[in-house]
C-alpha atoms as a PDB file:
ATOM      1  CA  UNK A   1       6.995  17.719  -6.927  1.00  0.00           C
ATOM      2  CA  UNK A   2       3.314  17.989  -6.004  1.00  0.00           C
ATOM      3  CA  UNK A   3       3.353  21.762  -6.462  1.00  0.00           C
ATOM      4  CA  UNK A   4       4.725  21.264  -9.957  1.00  0.00           C
ATOM      5  CA  UNK A   5       2.055  18.641 -10.703  1.00  0.00           C
ATOM      6  CA  UNK A   6      -0.682  21.014  -9.521  1.00  0.00           C
ATOM      7  CA  UNK A   7       0.697  23.806 -11.696  1.00  0.00           C
ATOM      8  CA  UNK A   8       0.648  21.441 -14.674  1.00  0.00           C
ATOM      9  CA  UNK A   9      -2.971  20.531 -13.909  1.00  0.00           C
ATOM     10  CA  UNK A  10      -3.843  24.223 -14.079  1.00  0.00           C
ATOM     11  CA  UNK A  11      -1.998  24.845 -17.341  1.00  0.00           C
ATOM     12  CA  UNK A  12      -3.011  24.092 -20.899  1.00  0.00           C
ATOM     13  CA  UNK A  13      -0.912  20.922 -20.749  1.00  0.00           C
ATOM     14  CA  UNK A  14      -2.565  17.611 -21.683  1.00  0.00           C
ATOM     15  CA  UNK A  15      -2.035  16.697 -18.028  1.00  0.00           C
ATOM     16  CA  UNK A  16      -4.763  19.198 -17.155  1.00  0.00           C
ATOM     17  CA  UNK A  17      -7.403  16.760 -18.376  1.00  0.00           C
ATOM     18  CA  UNK A  18      -5.907  14.089 -16.132  1.00  0.00           C
ATOM     19  CA  UNK A  19      -6.088  16.506 -13.212  1.00  0.00           C
ATOM     20  CA  UNK A  20      -9.755  17.203 -13.908  1.00  0.00           C
ATOM     21  CA  UNK A  21     -10.509  13.485 -13.954  1.00  0.00           C
ATOM     22  CA  UNK A  22      -8.570  12.949 -10.740  1.00  0.00           C
ATOM     23  CA  UNK A  23     -10.484  15.748  -8.989  1.00  0.00           C
ATOM     24  CA  UNK A  24     -13.718  14.128 -10.152  1.00  0.00           C
ATOM     25  CA  UNK A  25     -12.599  10.788  -8.691  1.00  0.00           C
ATOM     26  CA  UNK A  26     -11.898  12.439  -5.332  1.00  0.00           C
ATOM     27  CA  UNK A  27     -15.328  14.072  -5.256  1.00  0.00           C
ATOM     28  CA  UNK A  28     -17.192  10.913  -6.243  1.00  0.00           C
ATOM     29  CA  UNK A  29     -15.446   8.767  -3.637  1.00  0.00           C
ATOM     30  CA  UNK A  30     -16.137  11.347  -0.921  1.00  0.00           C
ATOM     31  CA  UNK A  31     -19.851  11.319  -1.783  1.00  0.00           C
ATOM     32  CA  UNK A  32     -19.899   7.529  -2.054  1.00  0.00           C
ATOM     33  CA  UNK A  33     -18.329   7.142   1.381  1.00  0.00           C
ATOM     34  CA  UNK A  34     -21.007   9.366   2.914  1.00  0.00           C
ATOM     35  CA  UNK A  35     -23.785   7.433   1.195  1.00  0.00           C
ATOM     36  CA  UNK A  36     -22.275   4.077   2.193  1.00  0.00           C
ATOM     37  CA  UNK A  37     -22.118   5.274   5.798  1.00  0.00           C
ATOM     38  CA  UNK A  38     -25.815   6.053   5.681  1.00  0.00           C
ATOM     39  CA  UNK A  39     -26.516   2.541   4.435  1.00  0.00           C
ATOM     40  CA  UNK A  40     -24.288   0.926   7.062  1.00  0.00           C
ATOM     41  CA  UNK A  41     -25.729   2.884   9.990  1.00  0.00           C
ATOM     42  CA  UNK A  42     -29.281   2.366   8.757  1.00  0.00           C
ATOM     43  CA  UNK A  43     -30.245   5.959   8.020  1.00  0.00           C
ATOM     44  CA  UNK A  44     -30.363   5.448   4.250  1.00  0.00           C
ATOM     45  CA  UNK A  45     -30.585   1.694   3.746  1.00  0.00           C
ATOM     46  CA  UNK A  46     -32.693   1.700   0.584  1.00  0.00           C
ATOM     47  CA  UNK A  47     -32.313  -0.246  -2.655  1.00  0.00           C
ATOM     48  CA  UNK A  48     -31.895   3.060  -4.483  1.00  0.00           C
ATOM     49  CA  UNK A  49     -28.994   4.045  -2.226  1.00  0.00           C
ATOM     50  CA  UNK A  50     -27.312   0.685  -2.777  1.00  0.00           C
ATOM     51  CA  UNK A  51     -27.689   1.024  -6.541  1.00  0.00           C
ATOM     52  CA  UNK A  52     -26.264   4.544  -6.427  1.00  0.00           C
ATOM     53  CA  UNK A  53     -23.144   3.358  -4.588  1.00  0.00           C
ATOM     54  CA  UNK A  54     -22.517   0.649  -7.176  1.00  0.00           C
ATOM     55  CA  UNK A  55     -23.094   3.089 -10.037  1.00  0.00           C
ATOM     56  CA  UNK A  56     -20.582   5.546  -8.604  1.00  0.00           C
ATOM     57  CA  UNK A  57     -18.024   2.789  -8.062  1.00  0.00           C
ATOM     58  CA  UNK A  58     -18.282   1.894 -11.743  1.00  0.00           C
ATOM     59  CA  UNK A  59     -17.750   5.554 -12.631  1.00  0.00           C
ATOM     60  CA  UNK A  60     -14.628   5.741 -10.454  1.00  0.00           C
ATOM     61  CA  UNK A  61     -13.220   2.621 -12.116  1.00  0.00           C
ATOM     62  CA  UNK A  62     -13.852   4.126 -15.544  1.00  0.00           C
ATOM     63  CA  UNK A  63     -12.064   7.328 -14.548  1.00  0.00           C
ATOM     64  CA  UNK A  64      -9.099   5.328 -13.250  1.00  0.00           C
ATOM     65  CA  UNK A  65      -8.769   3.502 -16.570  1.00  0.00           C
ATOM     66  CA  UNK A  66      -9.198   6.763 -18.481  1.00  0.00           C
ATOM     67  CA  UNK A  67      -6.401   8.448 -16.543  1.00  0.00           C
ATOM     68  CA  UNK A  68      -4.123   5.450 -17.071  1.00  0.00           C
ATOM     69  CA  UNK A  69      -4.793   5.637 -20.802  1.00  0.00           C
ATOM     70  CA  UNK A  70      -4.119   9.386 -20.795  1.00  0.00           C
ATOM     71  CA  UNK A  71      -0.834   8.885 -18.945  1.00  0.00           C
ATOM     72  CA  UNK A  72       0.361   6.212 -21.373  1.00  0.00           C
ATOM     73  CA  UNK A  73      -0.617   8.287 -24.394  1.00  0.00           C
ATOM     74  CA  UNK A  74       1.130  11.348 -22.949  1.00  0.00           C
ATOM     75  CA  UNK A  75       4.388   9.519 -22.266  1.00  0.00           C
ATOM     76  CA  UNK A  76       4.551   7.990 -25.744  1.00  0.00           C
ATOM     77  CA  UNK A  77       4.830  11.451 -27.267  1.00  0.00           C
ATOM     78  CA  UNK A  78       8.383  12.582 -27.902  1.00  0.00           C
ATOM     79  CA  UNK A  79       9.473  15.342 -25.556  1.00  0.00           C
ATOM     80  CA  UNK A  80       7.213  14.392 -22.664  1.00  0.00           C
ATOM     81  CA  UNK A  81       9.738  12.206 -20.846  1.00  0.00           C
ATOM     82  CA  UNK A  82      10.318  15.013 -18.339  1.00  0.00           C
ATOM     83  CA  UNK A  83       6.759  14.485 -17.091  1.00  0.00           C
ATOM     84  CA  UNK A  84       7.455  10.871 -16.085  1.00  0.00           C
ATOM     85  CA  UNK A  85       7.844  11.571 -12.318  1.00  0.00           C
ATOM     86  CA  UNK A  86       4.557  13.481 -12.258  1.00  0.00           C
ATOM     87  CA  UNK A  87       2.798  10.718 -14.165  1.00  0.00           C
ATOM     88  CA  UNK A  88       4.137   8.122 -11.715  1.00  0.00           C
ATOM     89  CA  UNK A  89       2.828  10.232  -8.841  1.00  0.00           C
ATOM     90  CA  UNK A  90      -0.578  10.535 -10.466  1.00  0.00           C
ATOM     91  CA  UNK A  91      -0.798   6.798 -11.185  1.00  0.00           C
ATOM     92  CA  UNK A  92      -0.140   6.019  -7.519  1.00  0.00           C
ATOM     93  CA  UNK A  93      -2.674   8.573  -6.275  1.00  0.00           C
ATOM     94  CA  UNK A  94      -5.326   7.326  -8.675  1.00  0.00           C
ATOM     95  CA  UNK A  95      -5.001   3.806  -7.278  1.00  0.00           C
ATOM     96  CA  UNK A  96      -5.495   5.068  -3.723  1.00  0.00           C
ATOM     97  CA  UNK A  97      -8.643   6.946  -4.688  1.00  0.00           C
ATOM     98  CA  UNK A  98      -9.971   3.893  -6.531  1.00  0.00           C
ATOM     99  CA  UNK A  99      -9.461   1.873  -3.342  1.00  0.00           C
ATOM    100  CA  UNK A 100     -11.480   4.442  -1.395  1.00  0.00           C
ATOM    101  CA  UNK A 101     -14.354   3.715  -3.759  1.00  0.00           C
ATOM    102  CA  UNK A 102     -13.944  -0.025  -3.221  1.00  0.00           C
ATOM    103  CA  UNK A 103     -13.947   0.233   0.567  1.00  0.00           C
ATOM    104  CA  UNK A 104     -17.000   2.498   0.489  1.00  0.00           C
ATOM    105  CA  UNK A 105     -18.784  -0.155  -1.543  1.00  0.00           C
ATOM    106  CA  UNK A 106     -17.625  -2.838   0.914  1.00  0.00           C
ATOM    107  CA  UNK A 107     -18.989  -0.741   3.786  1.00  0.00           C
ATOM    108  CA  UNK A 108     -22.415  -0.610   2.157  1.00  0.00           C
ATOM    109  CA  UNK A 109     -22.395  -4.395   1.738  1.00  0.00           C
ATOM    110  CA  UNK A 110     -22.030  -5.193   5.453  1.00  0.00           C
ATOM    111  CA  UNK A 111     -25.822  -5.097   5.796  1.00  0.00           C
ATOM    112  CA  UNK A 112     -25.906  -8.246   3.655  1.00  0.00           C
ATOM    113  CA  UNK A 113     -23.755 -10.066   6.198  1.00  0.00           C
ATOM    114  CA  UNK A 114     -25.655  -9.001   9.299  1.00  0.00           C
ATOM    115  CA  UNK A 115     -29.183  -7.598   9.077  1.00  0.00           C
ATOM    116  CA  UNK A 116     -29.337  -6.862  12.814  1.00  0.00           C
ATOM    117  CA  UNK A 117     -29.574  -3.119  13.613  1.00  0.00           C
ATOM    118  CA  UNK A 118     -26.620  -1.478  15.303  1.00  0.00           C
ATOM    119  CA  UNK A 119     -27.304  -0.836  19.001  1.00  0.00           C
ATOM    120  CA  UNK A 120     -27.370   2.622  20.547  1.00  0.00           C
ATOM    121  CA  UNK A 121     -24.422   2.043  22.859  1.00  0.00           C
ATOM    122  CA  UNK A 122     -20.932   3.397  23.588  1.00  0.00           C
ATOM    123  CA  UNK A 123     -19.171   1.176  21.046  1.00  0.00           C
ATOM    124  CA  UNK A 124     -21.372   2.231  18.144  1.00  0.00           C
ATOM    125  CA  UNK A 125     -21.178   5.842  19.317  1.00  0.00           C
ATOM    126  CA  UNK A 126     -17.387   5.549  19.068  1.00  0.00           C
ATOM    127  CA  UNK A 127     -17.708   4.133  15.550  1.00  0.00           C
ATOM    128  CA  UNK A 128     -19.971   7.028  14.573  1.00  0.00           C
ATOM    129  CA  UNK A 129     -17.302   9.476  15.738  1.00  0.00           C
ATOM    130  CA  UNK A 130     -14.734   7.622  13.647  1.00  0.00           C
ATOM    131  CA  UNK A 131     -17.082   7.906  10.685  1.00  0.00           C
ATOM    132  CA  UNK A 132     -17.336  11.669  11.163  1.00  0.00           C
ATOM    133  CA  UNK A 133     -13.550  11.946  11.294  1.00  0.00           C
ATOM    134  CA  UNK A 134     -13.006   9.907   8.134  1.00  0.00           C
ATOM    135  CA  UNK A 135     -15.663  11.773   6.169  1.00  0.00           C
ATOM    136  CA  UNK A 136     -14.165  15.091   7.287  1.00  0.00           C
ATOM    137  CA  UNK A 137     -10.724  13.915   6.164  1.00  0.00           C
ATOM    138  CA  UNK A 138     -12.030  12.970   2.731  1.00  0.00           C
ATOM    139  CA  UNK A 139     -13.814  16.304   2.397  1.00  0.00           C
ATOM    140  CA  UNK A 140     -10.604  18.183   3.236  1.00  0.00           C
ATOM    141  CA  UNK A 141      -8.273  16.055   1.102  1.00  0.00           C
ATOM    142  CA  UNK A 142      -9.319  17.562  -2.235  1.00  0.00           C
ATOM    143  CA  UNK A 143      -8.736  21.127  -1.050  1.00  0.00           C
ATOM    144  CA  UNK A 144      -5.447  20.316   0.700  1.00  0.00           C
ATOM    145  CA  UNK A 145      -4.181  18.451  -2.373  1.00  0.00           C
ATOM    146  CA  UNK A 146      -5.136  21.253  -4.750  1.00  0.00           C
ATOM    147  CA  UNK A 147      -3.502  23.900  -2.567  1.00  0.00           C
ATOM    148  CA  UNK A 148      -0.512  21.688  -1.684  1.00  0.00           C
ATOM    149  CA  UNK A 149      -1.030  22.831   1.907  1.00  0.00           C
ATOM    150  CA  UNK A 150       1.708  21.068   3.874  1.00  0.00           C
ATOM    151  CA  UNK A 151       0.625  22.404   7.280  1.00  0.00           C
ATOM    152  CA  UNK A 152      -2.974  21.231   6.898  1.00  0.00           C
ATOM    153  CA  UNK A 153      -1.813  17.933   5.418  1.00  0.00           C
ATOM    154  CA  UNK A 154       0.319  17.272   8.489  1.00  0.00           C
ATOM    155  CA  UNK A 155      -2.524  18.257  10.804  1.00  0.00           C
ATOM    156  CA  UNK A 156      -4.901  15.886   9.024  1.00  0.00           C
ATOM    157  CA  UNK A 157      -2.253  13.169   9.054  1.00  0.00           C
ATOM    158  CA  UNK A 158      -2.018  13.495  12.841  1.00  0.00           C
ATOM    159  CA  UNK A 159      -5.788  13.182  13.116  1.00  0.00           C
ATOM    160  CA  UNK A 160      -5.776  10.229  10.756  1.00  0.00           C
ATOM    161  CA  UNK A 161      -3.296   8.360  12.913  1.00  0.00           C
ATOM    162  CA  UNK A 162      -5.437   9.073  15.958  1.00  0.00           C
ATOM    163  CA  UNK A 163      -8.488   7.658  14.182  1.00  0.00           C
ATOM    164  CA  UNK A 164      -6.545   4.559  13.163  1.00  0.00           C
ATOM    165  CA  UNK A 165      -5.565   3.929  16.778  1.00  0.00           C
ATOM    166  CA  UNK A 166      -9.168   4.466  17.851  1.00  0.00           C
ATOM    167  CA  UNK A 167     -10.439   1.873  15.384  1.00  0.00           C
ATOM    168  CA  UNK A 168      -7.983  -0.713  16.688  1.00  0.00           C
ATOM    169  CA  UNK A 169      -8.993   0.069  20.272  1.00  0.00           C
ATOM    170  CA  UNK A 170     -12.652  -0.247  19.303  1.00  0.00           C
ATOM    171  CA  UNK A 171     -12.073  -3.657  17.754  1.00  0.00           C
ATOM    172  CA  UNK A 172     -10.439  -4.848  20.978  1.00  0.00           C
ATOM    173  CA  UNK A 173     -13.459  -3.621  22.941  1.00  0.00           C
ATOM    174  CA  UNK A 174     -15.832  -5.460  20.607  1.00  0.00           C
ATOM    175  CA  UNK A 175     -13.843  -8.658  21.143  1.00  0.00           C
ATOM    176  CA  UNK A 176     -14.487  -8.328  24.889  1.00  0.00           C
ATOM    177  CA  UNK A 177     -18.153  -7.377  24.504  1.00  0.00           C
ATOM    178  CA  UNK A 178     -21.243  -9.559  24.788  1.00  0.00           C
ATOM    179  CA  UNK A 179     -22.214  -8.874  21.179  1.00  0.00           C
ATOM    180  CA  UNK A 180     -23.628 -11.724  19.143  1.00  0.00           C
ATOM    181  CA  UNK A 181     -21.365 -13.149  16.453  1.00  0.00           C
ATOM    182  CA  UNK A 182     -23.290 -11.326  13.728  1.00  0.00           C
ATOM    183  CA  UNK A 183     -23.254  -7.961  15.465  1.00  0.00           C
ATOM    184  CA  UNK A 184     -19.580  -8.242  16.395  1.00  0.00           C
ATOM    185  CA  UNK A 185     -18.749  -9.046  12.774  1.00  0.00           C
ATOM    186  CA  UNK A 186     -20.715  -6.040  11.552  1.00  0.00           C
ATOM    187  CA  UNK A 187     -19.059  -3.572  13.924  1.00  0.00           C
ATOM    188  CA  UNK A 188     -15.554  -4.948  13.390  1.00  0.00           C
ATOM    189  CA  UNK A 189     -15.916  -4.823   9.606  1.00  0.00           C
ATOM    190  CA  UNK A 190     -17.263  -1.283   9.810  1.00  0.00           C
ATOM    191  CA  UNK A 191     -14.295  -0.228  11.924  1.00  0.00           C
ATOM    192  CA  UNK A 192     -11.783  -1.897   9.614  1.00  0.00           C
ATOM    193  CA  UNK A 193     -13.311  -0.404   6.468  1.00  0.00           C
ATOM    194  CA  UNK A 194     -13.330   3.071   7.988  1.00  0.00           C
ATOM    195  CA  UNK A 195      -9.689   2.577   8.950  1.00  0.00           C
ATOM    196  CA  UNK A 196      -8.820   1.674   5.369  1.00  0.00           C
ATOM    197  CA  UNK A 197     -10.854   4.584   3.966  1.00  0.00           C
ATOM    198  CA  UNK A 198      -8.922   6.927   6.215  1.00  0.00           C
ATOM    199  CA  UNK A 199      -5.645   5.203   5.370  1.00  0.00           C
ATOM    200  CA  UNK A 200      -6.027   5.752   1.645  1.00  0.00           C
ATOM    201  CA  UNK A 201      -6.945   9.385   2.237  1.00  0.00           C
ATOM    202  CA  UNK A 202      -3.680   9.690   4.195  1.00  0.00           C
ATOM    203  CA  UNK A 203      -1.823   8.140   1.264  1.00  0.00           C
ATOM    204  CA  UNK A 204      -3.107  10.939  -0.960  1.00  0.00           C
ATOM    205  CA  UNK A 205      -2.078  13.487   1.657  1.00  0.00           C
ATOM    206  CA  UNK A 206       1.407  11.970   1.828  1.00  0.00           C
ATOM    207  CA  UNK A 207       1.974  13.345  -1.671  1.00  0.00           C
ATOM    208  CA  UNK A 208       1.797  16.807  -0.110  1.00  0.00           C
ATOM    209  CA  UNK A 209       4.359  16.110   2.626  1.00  0.00           C
ATOM    210  CA  UNK A 210       6.674  13.446   1.201  1.00  0.00           C
ATOM    211  CA  UNK A 211       8.848  12.985  -1.930  1.00  0.00           C
ATOM    212  CA  UNK A 212       7.779  10.517  -4.612  1.00  0.00           C
ATOM    213  CA  UNK A 213       9.916   7.619  -3.363  1.00  0.00           C
ATOM    214  CA  UNK A 214       8.332   7.932   0.105  1.00  0.00           C
ATOM    215  CA  UNK A 215       4.735   8.164  -1.106  1.00  0.00           C
ATOM    216  CA  UNK A 216       2.289   6.364   1.256  1.00  0.00           C
ATOM    217  CA  UNK A 217       4.778   6.738   4.108  1.00  0.00           C
ATOM    218  CA  UNK A 218       5.175   9.436   6.707  1.00  0.00           C
ATOM    219  CA  UNK A 219       8.113  11.139   8.337  1.00  0.00           C
ATOM    220  CA  UNK A 220       7.579   9.962  11.904  1.00  0.00           C
ATOM    221  CA  UNK A 221       9.639  12.895  13.180  1.00  0.00           C
ATOM    222  CA  UNK A 222       6.729  15.086  12.062  1.00  0.00           C
ATOM    223  CA  UNK A 223       4.259  13.086  14.182  1.00  0.00           C
ATOM    224  CA  UNK A 224       3.710  13.426  17.925  1.00  0.00           C
ATOM    225  CA  UNK A 225       5.644  10.727  19.898  1.00  0.00           C
ATOM    226  CA  UNK A 226       2.475   8.830  20.841  1.00  0.00           C
ATOM    227  CA  UNK A 227       1.560   8.400  17.149  1.00  0.00           C
ATOM    228  CA  UNK A 228       4.872   6.960  15.980  1.00  0.00           C
ATOM    229  CA  UNK A 229       4.929   3.235  15.209  1.00  0.00           C
END
């Protein structure tokens, strides 16, 4: 189904405009996640950066509403009923990308909860590695989606599950650490938000590997045994 949707995006069909808007959403949320990470880790914690994140989140929300409107208008036209499955797929994917924008914004807001700088220790180093993995996943998602590359989607899904397990392990370590309440809260929230950012990227990738009715789920037989729930 995804291959057919991609071919429609590339045609002269009205769905092409929806595809262009969706690709723009993916790019904006990738850039917003990177910027929010800079704010959270203190390398770009400026008022201008904060404003930029909020501005981009508004743009993503506008694109989501625009795509919804385009889908509804398209389906009300006689003869377009055959496109219903593809429109349902797009509506689901759009919501996941919108949530990526929301979690990126949430990540940038952690500095309002705890102003204490993150320490240069093993726990924060682990979180920085998780950040790199999530940002890499978001950067690859657009290309994998456009090419409907099942092999790369599965590979990235495996990595995504590994990152999710690492975030949970990190949270357990923070709970046993001697961090102050404020610092522990900051690191745990950062870990959880990165887990959700990665999770929604995996939801988009699931459209490459799974049928519509199994969107957001994964065939555990395709995952290594240690990554199966």
